Amino acid sequence: MNTDERYMRQALTQAKKAAALGEIPVGCVIVYEGRVIGRGYNRRNTDKSTLSHAEITAMKKACKVLGDWRLEGCTLYVTLEPCQMCAGAIVQARVDKVVMGCMNPKAGCAGSILNLLQMEEFNHQVEITRGVLESECSTMLKDFFAGLRLRLRAEKQNG
């Protein structure tokens, strides 16, 4: 197992925590100098907050560990391509690299809809690696949404 796969497995562990709460299973870890300094998972419904994305939570923790708002020298591992909010925060924090599991064709802003991470107009561009443990990341999301559709259908029928 290579380094990217090892840390993506840790991000998948975070995503499972979100799933256990009934949240969309997205997980993130941030690595600096070979150690994880931030972890997060999706908690939007639990926290009743738009801002409770895996990346934002992990970035807050990493900033606290480093004692700075800049995350230079860090690699962010996330199971799903970041949205516009998270991609913007990643650029603002000057994260060096983002490693993604699967793409998000409906809301992704690291290559699917837009690529905010590598816009030359910004003062910082982020290196991107896509498709690390893609099948596992994608399957976790597909299984979650299939289960959600079944639950919603059952609730509608029992109504």
Protein backbone atom coordinates (compact mmCIF):
# COMPACT_ATOMS: atom_id res chain seq x y z
CA MET A 1 0.00 0.00 0.00
CA ASN A 2 1.44 3.37 -0.96
CA THR A 3 1.32 6.55 1.14
CA ASP A 4 -1.71 8.05 -0.64
CA GLU A 5 -3.70 4.83 -0.16
CA ARG A 6 -2.72 4.64 3.52
CA TYR A 7 -4.00 8.14 4.26
CA MET A 8 -7.08 7.70 2.05
CA ARG A 9 -7.97 4.66 4.16
CA GLN A 10 -7.89 6.96 7.18
CA ALA A 11 -10.19 9.38 5.33
CA LEU A 12 -12.53 6.44 4.61
CA THR A 13 -12.57 5.68 8.34
CA GLN A 14 -13.72 9.26 8.93
CA ALA A 15 -16.40 8.86 6.24
CA LYS A 16 -17.72 5.79 8.08
CA LYS A 17 -18.21 7.98 11.16
CA ALA A 18 -20.41 10.29 9.09
CA ALA A 19 -22.40 7.31 7.77
CA ALA A 20 -22.93 6.07 11.33
CA LEU A 21 -24.65 9.42 12.06
CA GLY A 22 -26.81 9.12 8.94
CA GLU A 23 -24.71 11.80 7.23
CA ILE A 24 -23.41 11.67 3.67
CA PRO A 25 -20.20 9.65 4.13
CA VAL A 26 -17.38 12.05 3.34
CA GLY A 27 -14.14 11.93 5.31
CA CYS A 28 -10.92 13.91 5.33
CA VAL A 29 -7.48 13.82 6.90
CA ILE A 30 -4.70 16.40 6.65
CA VAL A 31 -1.06 15.32 6.76
CA TYR A 32 1.94 17.46 7.64
CA GLU A 33 5.48 16.08 7.71
CA GLY A 34 4.25 12.49 7.74
CA ARG A 35 1.68 12.79 10.51
CA VAL A 36 -2.05 13.39 10.55
CA ILE A 37 -2.77 16.80 12.10
CA GLY A 38 -6.46 17.13 11.23
CA ARG A 39 -9.40 14.79 10.79
CA GLY A 40 -12.99 15.49 9.86
CA TYR A 41 -16.17 14.00 8.54
CA ASN A 42 -19.43 15.37 7.24
CA ARG A 43 -21.74 16.59 10.05
CA ARG A 44 -24.02 19.12 8.33
CA ASN A 45 -27.29 17.62 9.58
CA THR A 46 -25.92 16.72 13.00
CA ASP A 47 -24.52 20.23 13.60
CA LYS A 48 -27.28 21.99 11.64
CA SER A 49 -24.53 23.91 9.85
CA THR A 50 -23.69 24.41 6.20
CA LEU A 51 -20.06 24.71 7.25
CA SER A 52 -19.74 21.25 8.80
CA HIS A 53 -18.07 19.61 5.81
CA ALA A 54 -15.28 17.09 6.37
CA GLU A 55 -12.63 19.36 4.86
CA ILE A 56 -13.57 22.43 6.91
CA THR A 57 -13.56 20.46 10.16
CA ALA A 58 -10.19 18.88 9.36
CA MET A 59 -8.74 22.25 8.33
CA LYS A 60 -9.84 23.90 11.60
CA LYS A 61 -8.12 21.14 13.58
CA ALA A 62 -4.96 21.29 11.45
CA CYS A 63 -4.73 25.08 11.82
CA LYS A 64 -5.00 24.71 15.57
CA VAL A 65 -2.19 22.12 15.62
CA LEU A 66 0.08 24.31 13.47
CA GLY A 67 -0.92 27.54 15.22
CA ASP A 68 -1.50 29.26 11.88
CA TRP A 69 -4.26 29.73 9.34
CA ARG A 70 -1.87 28.70 6.61
CA LEU A 71 -1.60 24.99 5.85
CA GLU A 72 1.51 25.24 3.70
CA GLY A 73 3.34 21.93 3.46
CA CYS A 74 0.12 19.99 4.05
CA THR A 75 -1.63 17.35 1.97
CA LEU A 76 -5.41 17.02 2.32
CA TYR A 77 -6.94 13.59 1.65
CA VAL A 78 -10.68 13.56 1.00
CA THR A 79 -12.98 10.76 -0.11
CA LEU A 80 -15.09 13.03 -2.38
CA GLU A 81 -14.06 15.92 -4.61
CA PRO A 82 -14.43 19.20 -2.68
CA CYS A 83 -17.36 21.57 -3.25
CA GLN A 84 -16.89 25.27 -4.03
CA MET A 85 -16.79 26.25 -0.34
CA CYS A 86 -14.18 23.68 0.58
CA ALA A 87 -12.12 24.23 -2.58
CA GLY A 88 -12.06 27.97 -1.82
CA ALA A 89 -10.99 27.34 1.76
CA ILE A 90 -8.25 24.97 0.57
CA VAL A 91 -6.86 27.68 -1.74
CA GLN A 92 -7.15 30.32 0.99
CA ALA A 93 -5.26 28.08 3.45
CA ARG A 94 -2.55 27.45 0.85
CA VAL A 95 -2.73 23.66 1.13
CA ASP A 96 0.02 22.18 -1.07
CA LYS A 97 -1.77 19.11 -2.36
CA VAL A 98 -5.24 17.53 -2.43
CA VAL A 99 -5.69 13.79 -2.91
CA MET A 100 -9.25 12.77 -3.82
CA GLY A 101 -11.02 9.45 -3.83
CA CYS A 102 -13.90 9.99 -6.24
CA MET A 103 -15.19 12.86 -8.31
CA ASN A 104 -18.43 14.74 -7.67
CA PRO A 105 -20.05 15.52 -11.04
CA LYS A 106 -22.93 17.44 -9.43
CA ALA A 107 -20.99 19.76 -7.12
CA GLY A 108 -17.25 19.17 -7.50
CA CYS A 109 -14.95 22.16 -7.81
CA ALA A 110 -11.62 20.41 -8.23
CA GLY A 111 -12.16 19.37 -11.83
CA SER A 112 -15.77 18.23 -12.33
CA ILE A 113 -17.75 21.47 -12.64
CA LEU A 114 -14.91 23.90 -12.02
CA ASN A 115 -11.33 23.57 -10.90
CA LEU A 116 -10.96 26.26 -8.25
CA LEU A 117 -7.81 24.57 -6.93
CA GLN A 118 -5.77 25.33 -10.03
CA MET A 119 -7.05 28.67 -11.32
CA GLU A 120 -4.08 30.73 -12.46
CA GLU A 121 -5.96 33.89 -11.46
CA PHE A 122 -5.62 33.01 -7.75
CA ASN A 123 -2.44 33.63 -5.78
CA HIS A 124 -2.13 29.91 -4.96
CA GLN A 125 -2.64 26.72 -6.96
CA VAL A 126 -2.94 23.26 -5.45
CA GLU A 127 -1.43 20.05 -6.76
CA ILE A 128 -4.16 17.42 -7.31
CA THR A 129 -4.15 13.63 -7.35
CA ARG A 130 -7.46 12.00 -8.33
CA GLY A 131 -8.81 8.47 -8.08
CA VAL A 132 -7.04 7.12 -4.99
CA LEU A 133 -9.16 4.18 -3.75
CA GLU A 134 -11.82 5.54 -6.08
CA SER A 135 -13.90 2.38 -6.14
CA GLU A 136 -14.15 2.16 -2.35
CA CYS A 137 -14.94 5.86 -1.96
CA SER A 138 -17.54 5.75 -4.72
CA THR A 139 -19.15 2.53 -3.47
CA MET A 140 -19.55 3.97 0.03
CA LEU A 141 -21.43 6.96 -1.37
CA LYS A 142 -23.54 4.88 -3.79
CA ASP A 143 -24.51 2.47 -1.00
CA PHE A 144 -25.44 5.37 1.28
CA PHE A 145 -27.71 6.99 -1.31
CA ALA A 146 -29.29 3.65 -2.31
CA GLY A 147 -30.12 3.02 1.36
CA LEU A 148 -31.47 6.55 1.74
CA ARG A 149 -33.77 6.11 -1.27
CA LEU A 150 -35.08 2.84 0.20
CA ARG A 151 -35.73 4.47 3.60
CA LEU A 152 -37.51 7.42 2.00
CA ARG A 153 -39.64 5.10 -0.12
CA ALA A 154 -40.55 3.02 2.94
CA GLU A 155 -41.42 6.14 4.95
CA LYS A 156 -43.60 7.38 2.10
CA GLN A 157 -45.45 4.05 1.91
CA ASN A 158 -45.91 3.87 5.69
CA GLY A 159 -46.82 7.41 5.78
